[in-house]
């Protein structure tokens, strides 16, 4: 009788243990999240930098990653894209990557980054959640329960690229969508500006086609151009070569050989921008100025972001090489920048 009772108690204890609900770990094959980006990067000429940045990026999806690691990795992906002639495919895929759900070891929602991205292309983008997450709870210290500058995520688990709901467990977002969607909330991060005629532009700033850092100098010219976005400023990211400049022969062009053409090209772009609206036809990744705001084409539609107070969006000539940049600047400085190239007719050449 004693033995029977002991056996029964042991069986009851075992049953009780197995009756406790087990938390489900939601995971994915993280390396799949950047494969398409690596392919685009390699095609664009990124060489060994592609895999290095990719590995850092996909490991940010692990449960051990900090809240902003994924966004920081996406910023690095876009930084390299800008070095490679603002490659639109790399930028598009980076915008989708930053919305890929992260691993959830406890089936709870993964907190959102509370710091604005360095690159304006990522502003207003945040990660989706996996479908079997508990949408009533978040992991961690509860400081990132809503994306930056967003009042609510509806439906729960959705993101700008997938507005109809969460991503199926373990699935890569880049296999479900082609467009990164329309940004929701969010704004750029830095308030860096260029002053006193000498500017240092990094790969994520104006003259982003350079491999490292480009220093632009214009005698007597004050620029006050916004490099990266913030709650009161917007990124100046486009570096558009002047197609009509002949730089054959392998030598570097003399300033006077391209400065005038840069001014003409900037005027032509500003004149074109004057006719654009947010409903104008565009190609993904294309950048422009629309109604004084900086705009980027996302999913076949322009998405605009206002410049900070006192500044407007303009195409301006580069100073030390052929090309133009789309930036936020005050009218007087923009007008002077164009006039310094020797062209007449103001901002549009009219």
C-alpha atoms as a PDB file:
ATOM      1  CA  UNK A   1       0.000   0.000   0.000  1.00  0.00           C
ATOM      2  CA  UNK A   2       2.837   2.356   0.844  1.00  0.00           C
ATOM      3  CA  UNK A   3       4.586   1.502  -2.407  1.00  0.00           C
ATOM      4  CA  UNK A   4       1.400   2.155  -4.383  1.00  0.00           C
ATOM      5  CA  UNK A   5       0.948   5.524  -2.722  1.00  0.00           C
ATOM      6  CA  UNK A   6       4.542   6.492  -3.468  1.00  0.00           C
ATOM      7  CA  UNK A   7       4.140   5.473  -7.083  1.00  0.00           C
ATOM      8  CA  UNK A   8       0.950   7.500  -7.364  1.00  0.00           C
ATOM      9  CA  UNK A   9       2.574  10.618  -5.884  1.00  0.00           C
ATOM     10  CA  UNK A  10       5.544  10.253  -8.232  1.00  0.00           C
ATOM     11  CA  UNK A  11       3.215   9.923 -11.224  1.00  0.00           C
ATOM     12  CA  UNK A  12       1.167  12.925 -10.083  1.00  0.00           C
ATOM     13  CA  UNK A  13       4.309  15.053  -9.727  1.00  0.00           C
ATOM     14  CA  UNK A  14       5.503  14.057 -13.179  1.00  0.00           C
ATOM     15  CA  UNK A  15       2.096  14.902 -14.626  1.00  0.00           C
ATOM     16  CA  UNK A  16       2.156  18.261 -12.909  1.00  0.00           C
ATOM     17  CA  UNK A  17       5.571  19.073 -14.343  1.00  0.00           C
ATOM     18  CA  UNK A  18       4.561  18.244 -17.886  1.00  0.00           C
ATOM     19  CA  UNK A  19       1.334  20.193 -17.525  1.00  0.00           C
ATOM     20  CA  UNK A  20       3.268  23.454 -17.097  1.00  0.00           C
ATOM     21  CA  UNK A  21       3.109  25.309 -20.462  1.00  0.00           C
ATOM     22  CA  UNK A  22       6.507  25.558 -22.136  1.00  0.00           C
ATOM     23  CA  UNK A  23       7.606  28.853 -23.666  1.00  0.00           C
ATOM     24  CA  UNK A  24       8.155  28.614 -27.392  1.00  0.00           C
ATOM     25  CA  UNK A  25      11.367  29.963 -28.877  1.00  0.00           C
ATOM     26  CA  UNK A  26      10.749  31.799 -32.150  1.00  0.00           C
ATOM     27  CA  UNK A  27      13.838  31.693 -34.343  1.00  0.00           C
ATOM     28  CA  UNK A  28      14.934  31.908 -37.975  1.00  0.00           C
ATOM     29  CA  UNK A  29      17.880  31.232 -40.255  1.00  0.00           C
ATOM     30  CA  UNK A  30      19.416  34.635 -39.701  1.00  0.00           C
ATOM     31  CA  UNK A  31      21.923  34.415 -42.580  1.00  0.00           C
ATOM     32  CA  UNK A  32      19.009  34.361 -45.021  1.00  0.00           C
ATOM     33  CA  UNK A  33      18.066  37.896 -44.019  1.00  0.00           C
ATOM     34  CA  UNK A  34      20.981  39.507 -45.861  1.00  0.00           C
ATOM     35  CA  UNK A  35      21.617  37.123 -48.777  1.00  0.00           C
ATOM     36  CA  UNK A  36      19.795  39.279 -51.307  1.00  0.00           C
ATOM     37  CA  UNK A  37      21.585  42.391 -50.027  1.00  0.00           C
ATOM     38  CA  UNK A  38      24.990  40.711 -50.357  1.00  0.00           C
ATOM     39  CA  UNK A  39      24.160  39.777 -53.949  1.00  0.00           C
ATOM     40  CA  UNK A  40      23.160  43.356 -54.761  1.00  0.00           C
ATOM     41  CA  UNK A  41      26.223  44.672 -52.945  1.00  0.00           C
ATOM     42  CA  UNK A  42      28.565  42.369 -54.857  1.00  0.00           C
ATOM     43  CA  UNK A  43      26.982  43.401 -58.143  1.00  0.00           C
ATOM     44  CA  UNK A  44      27.456  47.061 -57.202  1.00  0.00           C
ATOM     45  CA  UNK A  45      31.169  46.494 -56.524  1.00  0.00           C
ATOM     46  CA  UNK A  46      31.227  46.240 -52.747  1.00  0.00           C
ATOM     47  CA  UNK A  47      33.658  43.294 -52.819  1.00  0.00           C
ATOM     48  CA  UNK A  48      34.671  41.902 -49.420  1.00  0.00           C
ATOM     49  CA  UNK A  49      32.901  44.715 -47.565  1.00  0.00           C
ATOM     50  CA  UNK A  50      29.577  43.082 -48.449  1.00  0.00           C
ATOM     51  CA  UNK A  51      30.066  39.936 -46.373  1.00  0.00           C
ATOM     52  CA  UNK A  52      31.649  41.793 -43.466  1.00  0.00           C
ATOM     53  CA  UNK A  53      28.689  44.136 -43.108  1.00  0.00           C
ATOM     54  CA  UNK A  54      26.247  41.294 -43.777  1.00  0.00           C
ATOM     55  CA  UNK A  55      27.583  39.170 -40.924  1.00  0.00           C
ATOM     56  CA  UNK A  56      27.316  42.027 -38.475  1.00  0.00           C
ATOM     57  CA  UNK A  57      23.798  42.689 -39.711  1.00  0.00           C
ATOM     58  CA  UNK A  58      22.319  39.224 -39.469  1.00  0.00           C
ATOM     59  CA  UNK A  59      23.826  38.553 -36.052  1.00  0.00           C
ATOM     60  CA  UNK A  60      21.911  41.597 -34.795  1.00  0.00           C
ATOM     61  CA  UNK A  61      18.757  39.495 -35.211  1.00  0.00           C
ATOM     62  CA  UNK A  62      19.842  37.118 -32.444  1.00  0.00           C
ATOM     63  CA  UNK A  63      18.035  37.339 -29.141  1.00  0.00           C
ATOM     64  CA  UNK A  64      21.186  38.669 -27.487  1.00  0.00           C
ATOM     65  CA  UNK A  65      21.206  41.740 -29.727  1.00  0.00           C
ATOM     66  CA  UNK A  66      20.525  45.147 -28.222  1.00  0.00           C
ATOM     67  CA  UNK A  67      17.441  47.101 -29.213  1.00  0.00           C
ATOM     68  CA  UNK A  68      19.249  49.313 -31.756  1.00  0.00           C
ATOM     69  CA  UNK A  69      21.817  46.826 -33.124  1.00  0.00           C
ATOM     70  CA  UNK A  70      19.608  45.932 -36.080  1.00  0.00           C
ATOM     71  CA  UNK A  71      19.061  49.578 -36.997  1.00  0.00           C
ATOM     72  CA  UNK A  72      22.774  50.349 -36.593  1.00  0.00           C
ATOM     73  CA  UNK A  73      23.566  47.461 -38.941  1.00  0.00           C
ATOM     74  CA  UNK A  74      21.061  48.743 -41.496  1.00  0.00           C
ATOM     75  CA  UNK A  75      22.716  52.167 -41.275  1.00  0.00           C
ATOM     76  CA  UNK A  76      26.034  50.507 -42.178  1.00  0.00           C
ATOM     77  CA  UNK A  77      24.374  48.753 -45.110  1.00  0.00           C
ATOM     78  CA  UNK A  78      23.094  52.079 -46.432  1.00  0.00           C
ATOM     79  CA  UNK A  79      26.415  53.812 -45.775  1.00  0.00           C
ATOM     80  CA  UNK A  80      28.085  51.320 -48.125  1.00  0.00           C
ATOM     81  CA  UNK A  81      25.285  51.662 -50.674  1.00  0.00           C
ATOM     82  CA  UNK A  82      25.928  55.388 -50.778  1.00  0.00           C
ATOM     83  CA  UNK A  83      29.607  54.782 -51.410  1.00  0.00           C
ATOM     84  CA  UNK A  84      28.553  52.653 -54.369  1.00  0.00           C
ATOM     85  CA  UNK A  85      26.721  55.398 -56.274  1.00  0.00           C
ATOM     86  CA  UNK A  86      23.683  55.336 -53.972  1.00  0.00           C
ATOM     87  CA  UNK A  87      22.823  51.853 -55.208  1.00  0.00           C
ATOM     88  CA  UNK A  88      18.993  51.764 -54.999  1.00  0.00           C
ATOM     89  CA  UNK A  89      18.728  47.973 -54.698  1.00  0.00           C
ATOM     90  CA  UNK A  90      21.087  47.896 -51.727  1.00  0.00           C
ATOM     91  CA  UNK A  91      19.135  50.711 -50.082  1.00  0.00           C
ATOM     92  CA  UNK A  92      15.782  49.026 -50.724  1.00  0.00           C
ATOM     93  CA  UNK A  93      16.968  45.738 -49.245  1.00  0.00           C
ATOM     94  CA  UNK A  94      18.503  47.489 -46.223  1.00  0.00           C
ATOM     95  CA  UNK A  95      15.155  49.199 -45.632  1.00  0.00           C
ATOM     96  CA  UNK A  96      13.455  45.802 -45.655  1.00  0.00           C
ATOM     97  CA  UNK A  97      16.152  44.216 -43.488  1.00  0.00           C
ATOM     98  CA  UNK A  98      15.643  46.764 -40.697  1.00  0.00           C
ATOM     99  CA  UNK A  99      12.019  45.538 -40.540  1.00  0.00           C
ATOM    100  CA  UNK A 100      12.878  41.828 -40.312  1.00  0.00           C
ATOM    101  CA  UNK A 101      11.610  40.309 -37.038  1.00  0.00           C
ATOM    102  CA  UNK A 102      14.274  39.414 -34.485  1.00  0.00           C
ATOM    103  CA  UNK A 103      14.533  36.115 -32.640  1.00  0.00           C
ATOM    104  CA  UNK A 104      12.249  35.867 -29.627  1.00  0.00           C
ATOM    105  CA  UNK A 105      13.511  33.308 -27.077  1.00  0.00           C
ATOM    106  CA  UNK A 106      10.495  33.738 -24.794  1.00  0.00           C
ATOM    107  CA  UNK A 107       7.728  34.231 -27.393  1.00  0.00           C
ATOM    108  CA  UNK A 108       7.324  37.832 -26.244  1.00  0.00           C
ATOM    109  CA  UNK A 109       7.475  40.823 -28.551  1.00  0.00           C
ATOM    110  CA  UNK A 110      10.967  42.194 -29.187  1.00  0.00           C
ATOM    111  CA  UNK A 111      11.380  45.847 -28.087  1.00  0.00           C
ATOM    112  CA  UNK A 112      11.869  48.618 -30.632  1.00  0.00           C
ATOM    113  CA  UNK A 113      14.874  50.913 -30.947  1.00  0.00           C
ATOM    114  CA  UNK A 114      14.320  54.289 -29.285  1.00  0.00           C
ATOM    115  CA  UNK A 115      17.104  56.117 -31.132  1.00  0.00           C
ATOM    116  CA  UNK A 116      16.625  57.712 -34.556  1.00  0.00           C
ATOM    117  CA  UNK A 117      18.687  56.227 -37.416  1.00  0.00           C
ATOM    118  CA  UNK A 118      21.670  58.002 -38.931  1.00  0.00           C
ATOM    119  CA  UNK A 119      20.335  57.703 -42.461  1.00  0.00           C
ATOM    120  CA  UNK A 120      17.053  59.333 -43.452  1.00  0.00           C
ATOM    121  CA  UNK A 121      16.204  56.288 -45.580  1.00  0.00           C
ATOM    122  CA  UNK A 122      15.562  54.338 -42.357  1.00  0.00           C
ATOM    123  CA  UNK A 123      13.518  56.996 -40.609  1.00  0.00           C
ATOM    124  CA  UNK A 124      10.060  55.747 -39.673  1.00  0.00           C
ATOM    125  CA  UNK A 125      10.924  52.078 -40.297  1.00  0.00           C
ATOM    126  CA  UNK A 126      10.822  49.459 -37.525  1.00  0.00           C
ATOM    127  CA  UNK A 127      10.834  45.683 -37.254  1.00  0.00           C
ATOM    128  CA  UNK A 128       7.809  43.455 -37.552  1.00  0.00           C
ATOM    129  CA  UNK A 129       7.162  40.760 -34.942  1.00  0.00           C
ATOM    130  CA  UNK A 130       6.783  37.041 -35.576  1.00  0.00           C
ATOM    131  CA  UNK A 131       3.200  35.781 -35.722  1.00  0.00           C
ATOM    132  CA  UNK A 132       3.175  33.563 -32.617  1.00  0.00           C
ATOM    133  CA  UNK A 133       4.519  36.291 -30.342  1.00  0.00           C
ATOM    134  CA  UNK A 134       2.498  37.202 -27.270  1.00  0.00           C
ATOM    135  CA  UNK A 135       1.178  40.586 -28.373  1.00  0.00           C
ATOM    136  CA  UNK A 136       0.289  41.585 -24.825  1.00  0.00           C
ATOM    137  CA  UNK A 137       3.891  41.562 -23.543  1.00  0.00           C
ATOM    138  CA  UNK A 138       7.420  42.648 -24.417  1.00  0.00           C
ATOM    139  CA  UNK A 139      10.790  41.270 -23.449  1.00  0.00           C
ATOM    140  CA  UNK A 140      13.287  43.299 -21.454  1.00  0.00           C
ATOM    141  CA  UNK A 141      12.871  46.463 -19.399  1.00  0.00           C
ATOM    142  CA  UNK A 142       9.754  47.718 -21.210  1.00  0.00           C
ATOM    143  CA  UNK A 143      11.457  50.843 -22.560  1.00  0.00           C
ATOM    144  CA  UNK A 144      10.839  50.022 -26.226  1.00  0.00           C
ATOM    145  CA  UNK A 145       7.220  48.936 -26.324  1.00  0.00           C
ATOM    146  CA  UNK A 146       6.430  51.333 -29.174  1.00  0.00           C
ATOM    147  CA  UNK A 147       8.542  52.356 -32.171  1.00  0.00           C
ATOM    148  CA  UNK A 148      10.093  55.823 -32.015  1.00  0.00           C
ATOM    149  CA  UNK A 149       7.471  58.576 -32.496  1.00  0.00           C
ATOM    150  CA  UNK A 150       4.683  56.029 -33.056  1.00  0.00           C
ATOM    151  CA  UNK A 151       1.565  56.065 -30.861  1.00  0.00           C
ATOM    152  CA  UNK A 152       0.380  52.547 -31.664  1.00  0.00           C
ATOM    153  CA  UNK A 153       1.228  49.582 -33.899  1.00  0.00           C
ATOM    154  CA  UNK A 154      -1.950  48.419 -35.579  1.00  0.00           C
ATOM    155  CA  UNK A 155      -2.370  45.588 -36.229  1.00  0.00           C
ATOM    156  CA  UNK A 156       0.054  44.339 -33.566  1.00  0.00           C
ATOM    157  CA  UNK A 157       3.250  42.879 -34.980  1.00  0.00           C
ATOM    158  CA  UNK A 158       3.005  44.758 -38.264  1.00  0.00           C
ATOM    159  CA  UNK A 159       5.557  47.142 -39.742  1.00  0.00           C
ATOM    160  CA  UNK A 160       5.632  49.622 -42.654  1.00  0.00           C
ATOM    161  CA  UNK A 161       6.625  46.919 -45.152  1.00  0.00           C
ATOM    162  CA  UNK A 162       3.901  44.545 -43.973  1.00  0.00           C
ATOM    163  CA  UNK A 163       0.949  46.542 -42.742  1.00  0.00           C
ATOM    164  CA  UNK A 164      -1.506  43.613 -42.661  1.00  0.00           C
ATOM    165  CA  UNK A 165       0.056  41.946 -39.638  1.00  0.00           C
ATOM    166  CA  UNK A 166       3.076  40.039 -38.287  1.00  0.00           C
ATOM    167  CA  UNK A 167       5.489  37.855 -40.231  1.00  0.00           C
ATOM    168  CA  UNK A 168       4.957  34.065 -40.108  1.00  0.00           C
ATOM    169  CA  UNK A 169       7.397  32.440 -37.700  1.00  0.00           C
ATOM    170  CA  UNK A 170      10.891  32.002 -39.141  1.00  0.00           C
ATOM    171  CA  UNK A 171      10.036  33.579 -42.519  1.00  0.00           C
ATOM    172  CA  UNK A 172      12.200  36.267 -44.120  1.00  0.00           C
ATOM    173  CA  UNK A 173      10.357  39.505 -44.806  1.00  0.00           C
ATOM    174  CA  UNK A 174      12.241  39.980 -48.094  1.00  0.00           C
ATOM    175  CA  UNK A 175      10.470  36.880 -49.448  1.00  0.00           C
ATOM    176  CA  UNK A 176       7.065  38.376 -48.670  1.00  0.00           C
ATOM    177  CA  UNK A 177       7.399  41.975 -49.845  1.00  0.00           C
ATOM    178  CA  UNK A 178       9.266  43.979 -52.471  1.00  0.00           C
ATOM    179  CA  UNK A 179       8.673  47.458 -51.108  1.00  0.00           C
ATOM    180  CA  UNK A 180       9.868  48.741 -47.713  1.00  0.00           C
ATOM    181  CA  UNK A 181       6.560  50.575 -47.432  1.00  0.00           C
ATOM    182  CA  UNK A 182       5.769  54.069 -46.234  1.00  0.00           C
ATOM    183  CA  UNK A 183       7.594  55.238 -43.079  1.00  0.00           C
ATOM    184  CA  UNK A 184       5.468  55.636 -39.947  1.00  0.00           C
ATOM    185  CA  UNK A 185       6.576  58.251 -37.414  1.00  0.00           C
ATOM    186  CA  UNK A 186      10.292  58.540 -36.719  1.00  0.00           C
ATOM    187  CA  UNK A 187      12.790  61.189 -37.739  1.00  0.00           C
ATOM    188  CA  UNK A 188      16.499  61.440 -38.426  1.00  0.00           C
ATOM    189  CA  UNK A 189      19.055  61.527 -35.660  1.00  0.00           C
ATOM    190  CA  UNK A 190      21.930  63.931 -35.975  1.00  0.00           C
ATOM    191  CA  UNK A 191      21.947  67.703 -36.155  1.00  0.00           C
ATOM    192  CA  UNK A 192      25.292  67.975 -37.885  1.00  0.00           C
ATOM    193  CA  UNK A 193      25.707  70.935 -40.231  1.00  0.00           C
ATOM    194  CA  UNK A 194      28.329  72.309 -42.572  1.00  0.00           C
ATOM    195  CA  UNK A 195      29.658  75.755 -41.721  1.00  0.00           C
ATOM    196  CA  UNK A 196      32.234  78.347 -42.792  1.00  0.00           C
ATOM    197  CA  UNK A 197      32.987  77.084 -46.281  1.00  0.00           C
ATOM    198  CA  UNK A 198      34.880  73.927 -45.247  1.00  0.00           C
ATOM    199  CA  UNK A 199      32.945  70.700 -44.852  1.00  0.00           C
ATOM    200  CA  UNK A 200      33.789  67.113 -44.139  1.00  0.00           C
ATOM    201  CA  UNK A 201      31.244  64.719 -45.623  1.00  0.00           C
ATOM    202  CA  UNK A 202      31.328  61.056 -44.617  1.00  0.00           C
ATOM    203  CA  UNK A 203      30.007  58.119 -46.582  1.00  0.00           C
ATOM    204  CA  UNK A 204      26.578  58.636 -45.025  1.00  0.00           C
ATOM    205  CA  UNK A 205      26.498  62.356 -45.833  1.00  0.00           C
ATOM    206  CA  UNK A 206      26.441  64.572 -48.894  1.00  0.00           C
ATOM    207  CA  UNK A 207      29.364  63.365 -50.967  1.00  0.00           C
ATOM    208  CA  UNK A 208      28.647  59.742 -50.169  1.00  0.00           C
ATOM    209  CA  UNK A 209      30.150  58.329 -53.325  1.00  0.00           C
ATOM    210  CA  UNK A 210      33.613  58.804 -51.858  1.00  0.00           C
ATOM    211  CA  UNK A 211      35.187  55.750 -50.256  1.00  0.00           C
ATOM    212  CA  UNK A 212      36.012  57.489 -47.002  1.00  0.00           C
ATOM    213  CA  UNK A 213      35.866  61.213 -46.243  1.00  0.00           C
ATOM    214  CA  UNK A 214      35.646  64.044 -48.739  1.00  0.00           C
ATOM    215  CA  UNK A 215      36.519  67.602 -47.807  1.00  0.00           C
ATOM    216  CA  UNK A 216      34.730  70.282 -49.811  1.00  0.00           C
ATOM    217  CA  UNK A 217      36.024  73.839 -49.730  1.00  0.00           C
ATOM    218  CA  UNK A 218      34.581  76.938 -51.348  1.00  0.00           C
ATOM    219  CA  UNK A 219      36.231  80.289 -50.662  1.00  0.00           C
ATOM    220  CA  UNK A 220      33.952  82.760 -48.955  1.00  0.00           C
ATOM    221  CA  UNK A 221      30.913  80.469 -49.086  1.00  0.00           C
ATOM    222  CA  UNK A 222      28.862  79.606 -46.006  1.00  0.00           C
ATOM    223  CA  UNK A 223      26.822  76.477 -46.589  1.00  0.00           C
ATOM    224  CA  UNK A 224      24.824  75.507 -43.474  1.00  0.00           C
ATOM    225  CA  UNK A 225      23.755  72.295 -45.177  1.00  0.00           C
ATOM    226  CA  UNK A 226      22.116  69.564 -43.146  1.00  0.00           C
ATOM    227  CA  UNK A 227      24.069  66.300 -43.287  1.00  0.00           C
ATOM    228  CA  UNK A 228      21.873  63.916 -41.365  1.00  0.00           C
ATOM    229  CA  UNK A 229      18.321  64.148 -40.150  1.00  0.00           C
ATOM    230  CA  UNK A 230      16.929  64.979 -36.714  1.00  0.00           C
ATOM    231  CA  UNK A 231      13.622  66.095 -35.296  1.00  0.00           C
ATOM    232  CA  UNK A 232      14.450  69.471 -36.813  1.00  0.00           C
ATOM    233  CA  UNK A 233      16.590  68.483 -39.785  1.00  0.00           C
ATOM    234  CA  UNK A 234      16.674  66.118 -42.726  1.00  0.00           C
ATOM    235  CA  UNK A 235      19.420  64.195 -44.442  1.00  0.00           C
ATOM    236  CA  UNK A 236      21.236  65.441 -47.501  1.00  0.00           C
ATOM    237  CA  UNK A 237      22.136  62.194 -49.151  1.00  0.00           C
ATOM    238  CA  UNK A 238      22.143  62.333 -52.918  1.00  0.00           C
ATOM    239  CA  UNK A 239      25.373  62.537 -54.881  1.00  0.00           C
ATOM    240  CA  UNK A 240      24.462  62.829 -58.555  1.00  0.00           C
ATOM    241  CA  UNK A 241      27.258  62.949 -61.148  1.00  0.00           C
ATOM    242  CA  UNK A 242      26.987  65.546 -63.875  1.00  0.00           C
ATOM    243  CA  UNK A 243      26.364  63.431 -66.922  1.00  0.00           C
ATOM    244  CA  UNK A 244      27.620  65.987 -69.422  1.00  0.00           C
ATOM    245  CA  UNK A 245      31.060  66.407 -67.862  1.00  0.00           C
ATOM    246  CA  UNK A 246      33.835  64.714 -69.777  1.00  0.00           C
ATOM    247  CA  UNK A 247      36.334  63.213 -67.341  1.00  0.00           C
ATOM    248  CA  UNK A 248      37.970  60.736 -69.670  1.00  0.00           C
ATOM    249  CA  UNK A 249      41.696  60.241 -69.688  1.00  0.00           C
ATOM    250  CA  UNK A 250      42.034  59.059 -66.106  1.00  0.00           C
ATOM    251  CA  UNK A 251      43.109  62.416 -64.639  1.00  0.00           C
ATOM    252  CA  UNK A 252      41.273  64.400 -61.986  1.00  0.00           C
ATOM    253  CA  UNK A 253      39.307  67.323 -63.405  1.00  0.00           C
ATOM    254  CA  UNK A 254      40.368  70.875 -62.715  1.00  0.00           C
ATOM    255  CA  UNK A 255      37.813  72.772 -60.624  1.00  0.00           C
ATOM    256  CA  UNK A 256      37.051  75.247 -63.410  1.00  0.00           C
ATOM    257  CA  UNK A 257      36.356  72.399 -65.849  1.00  0.00           C
ATOM    258  CA  UNK A 258      33.381  71.072 -63.900  1.00  0.00           C
ATOM    259  CA  UNK A 259      32.245  73.870 -61.573  1.00  0.00           C
ATOM    260  CA  UNK A 260      30.235  75.698 -64.239  1.00  0.00           C
ATOM    261  CA  UNK A 261      28.604  72.491 -65.445  1.00  0.00           C
ATOM    262  CA  UNK A 262      27.771  71.507 -61.851  1.00  0.00           C
ATOM    263  CA  UNK A 263      25.962  74.839 -61.482  1.00  0.00           C
ATOM    264  CA  UNK A 264      24.000  74.286 -64.694  1.00  0.00           C
ATOM    265  CA  UNK A 265      23.055  70.755 -63.638  1.00  0.00           C
ATOM    266  CA  UNK A 266      21.888  71.956 -60.226  1.00  0.00           C
ATOM    267  CA  UNK A 267      19.721  74.613 -61.864  1.00  0.00           C
ATOM    268  CA  UNK A 268      18.204  72.036 -64.213  1.00  0.00           C
ATOM    269  CA  UNK A 269      17.390  69.719 -61.312  1.00  0.00           C
ATOM    270  CA  UNK A 270      15.781  72.530 -59.303  1.00  0.00           C
ATOM    271  CA  UNK A 271      13.700  73.506 -62.315  1.00  0.00           C
ATOM    272  CA  UNK A 272      12.565  69.887 -62.692  1.00  0.00           C
ATOM    273  CA  UNK A 273      11.780  69.574 -58.983  1.00  0.00           C
ATOM    274  CA  UNK A 274       9.491  72.597 -59.188  1.00  0.00           C
ATOM    275  CA  UNK A 275       7.071  70.577 -61.320  1.00  0.00           C
ATOM    276  CA  UNK A 276       7.039  67.471 -59.114  1.00  0.00           C
ATOM    277  CA  UNK A 277       4.371  66.479 -56.583  1.00  0.00           C
ATOM    278  CA  UNK A 278       4.132  63.537 -54.205  1.00  0.00           C
ATOM    279  CA  UNK A 279       1.966  61.880 -56.847  1.00  0.00           C
ATOM    280  CA  UNK A 280       4.578  62.164 -59.605  1.00  0.00           C
ATOM    281  CA  UNK A 281       5.812  58.924 -61.177  1.00  0.00           C
ATOM    282  CA  UNK A 282       9.173  57.856 -59.759  1.00  0.00           C
ATOM    283  CA  UNK A 283      11.583  54.943 -59.521  1.00  0.00           C
ATOM    284  CA  UNK A 284      12.398  53.346 -56.166  1.00  0.00           C
ATOM    285  CA  UNK A 285      15.412  55.017 -54.575  1.00  0.00           C
ATOM    286  CA  UNK A 286      15.040  58.222 -56.621  1.00  0.00           C
ATOM    287  CA  UNK A 287      15.537  61.396 -54.582  1.00  0.00           C
ATOM    288  CA  UNK A 288      14.139  64.850 -55.227  1.00  0.00           C
ATOM    289  CA  UNK A 289      12.864  68.060 -53.669  1.00  0.00           C
ATOM    290  CA  UNK A 290       9.088  68.433 -53.550  1.00  0.00           C
ATOM    291  CA  UNK A 291       7.446  71.603 -52.222  1.00  0.00           C
ATOM    292  CA  UNK A 292      10.652  72.526 -50.365  1.00  0.00           C
ATOM    293  CA  UNK A 293      10.834  69.081 -48.667  1.00  0.00           C
ATOM    294  CA  UNK A 294      13.353  66.273 -49.181  1.00  0.00           C
ATOM    295  CA  UNK A 295      11.704  63.315 -50.932  1.00  0.00           C
ATOM    296  CA  UNK A 296      12.589  59.723 -51.748  1.00  0.00           C
ATOM    297  CA  UNK A 297      10.703  57.306 -53.973  1.00  0.00           C
ATOM    298  CA  UNK A 298       9.515  54.271 -52.013  1.00  0.00           C
ATOM    299  CA  UNK A 299       7.290  51.680 -53.634  1.00  0.00           C
ATOM    300  CA  UNK A 300       6.732  53.856 -56.691  1.00  0.00           C
ATOM    301  CA  UNK A 301       5.608  56.895 -54.670  1.00  0.00           C
ATOM    302  CA  UNK A 302       7.480  59.875 -53.286  1.00  0.00           C
ATOM    303  CA  UNK A 303       7.690  60.067 -49.509  1.00  0.00           C
ATOM    304  CA  UNK A 304       8.646  63.546 -48.324  1.00  0.00           C
ATOM    305  CA  UNK A 305      10.245  64.790 -45.118  1.00  0.00           C
ATOM    306  CA  UNK A 306      10.253  68.463 -44.218  1.00  0.00           C
ATOM    307  CA  UNK A 307      13.540  70.328 -43.896  1.00  0.00           C
ATOM    308  CA  UNK A 308      14.260  72.050 -40.570  1.00  0.00           C
ATOM    309  CA  UNK A 309      13.034  75.572 -39.904  1.00  0.00           C
ATOM    310  CA  UNK A 310      14.536  78.208 -42.153  1.00  0.00           C
ATOM    311  CA  UNK A 311      15.826  75.721 -44.742  1.00  0.00           C
ATOM    312  CA  UNK A 312      14.469  74.224 -47.933  1.00  0.00           C
ATOM    313  CA  UNK A 313      15.445  71.349 -50.195  1.00  0.00           C
ATOM    314  CA  UNK A 314      17.669  72.177 -53.197  1.00  0.00           C
ATOM    315  CA  UNK A 315      19.961  70.520 -55.695  1.00  0.00           C
ATOM    316  CA  UNK A 316      23.343  72.186 -55.250  1.00  0.00           C
ATOM    317  CA  UNK A 317      26.641  71.797 -57.119  1.00  0.00           C
ATOM    318  CA  UNK A 318      29.423  69.802 -55.524  1.00  0.00           C
ATOM    319  CA  UNK A 319      32.515  71.847 -54.813  1.00  0.00           C
ATOM    320  CA  UNK A 320      35.494  69.579 -55.389  1.00  0.00           C
ATOM    321  CA  UNK A 321      34.294  67.181 -58.067  1.00  0.00           C
ATOM    322  CA  UNK A 322      31.717  66.806 -60.817  1.00  0.00           C
ATOM    323  CA  UNK A 323      28.175  66.290 -59.603  1.00  0.00           C
ATOM    324  CA  UNK A 324      25.350  67.695 -57.526  1.00  0.00           C
ATOM    325  CA  UNK A 325      23.881  66.981 -54.083  1.00  0.00           C
ATOM    326  CA  UNK A 326      20.317  67.156 -52.855  1.00  0.00           C
ATOM    327  CA  UNK A 327      20.425  68.995 -49.536  1.00  0.00           C
ATOM    328  CA  UNK A 328      18.532  71.173 -47.086  1.00  0.00           C
ATOM    329  CA  UNK A 329      19.892  74.733 -46.959  1.00  0.00           C
ATOM    330  CA  UNK A 330      18.679  78.287 -46.501  1.00  0.00           C
ATOM    331  CA  UNK A 331      17.787  80.169 -49.688  1.00  0.00           C
ATOM    332  CA  UNK A 332      20.592  82.717 -49.475  1.00  0.00           C
ATOM    333  CA  UNK A 333      23.324  80.098 -49.076  1.00  0.00           C
ATOM    334  CA  UNK A 334      21.872  77.907 -51.828  1.00  0.00           C
ATOM    335  CA  UNK A 335      21.700  80.851 -54.214  1.00  0.00           C
ATOM    336  CA  UNK A 336      25.277  81.843 -53.406  1.00  0.00           C
ATOM    337  CA  UNK A 337      26.508  78.258 -53.827  1.00  0.00           C
ATOM    338  CA  UNK A 338      25.114  78.108 -57.349  1.00  0.00           C
ATOM    339  CA  UNK A 339      26.277  81.626 -58.269  1.00  0.00           C
ATOM    340  CA  UNK A 340      29.808  80.739 -57.160  1.00  0.00           C
ATOM    341  CA  UNK A 341      30.061  78.329 -60.112  1.00  0.00           C
ATOM    342  CA  UNK A 342      29.725  81.239 -62.568  1.00  0.00           C
ATOM    343  CA  UNK A 343      26.220  80.489 -63.822  1.00  0.00           C
ATOM    344  CA  UNK A 344      23.459  83.098 -63.901  1.00  0.00           C
ATOM    345  CA  UNK A 345      19.736  82.782 -63.381  1.00  0.00           C
ATOM    346  CA  UNK A 346      19.580  81.928 -59.693  1.00  0.00           C
ATOM    347  CA  UNK A 347      18.424  78.569 -58.369  1.00  0.00           C
ATOM    348  CA  UNK A 348      16.636  77.390 -61.510  1.00  0.00           C
ATOM    349  CA  UNK A 349      18.407  79.256 -64.298  1.00  0.00           C
ATOM    350  CA  UNK A 350      15.214  81.096 -65.179  1.00  0.00           C
END
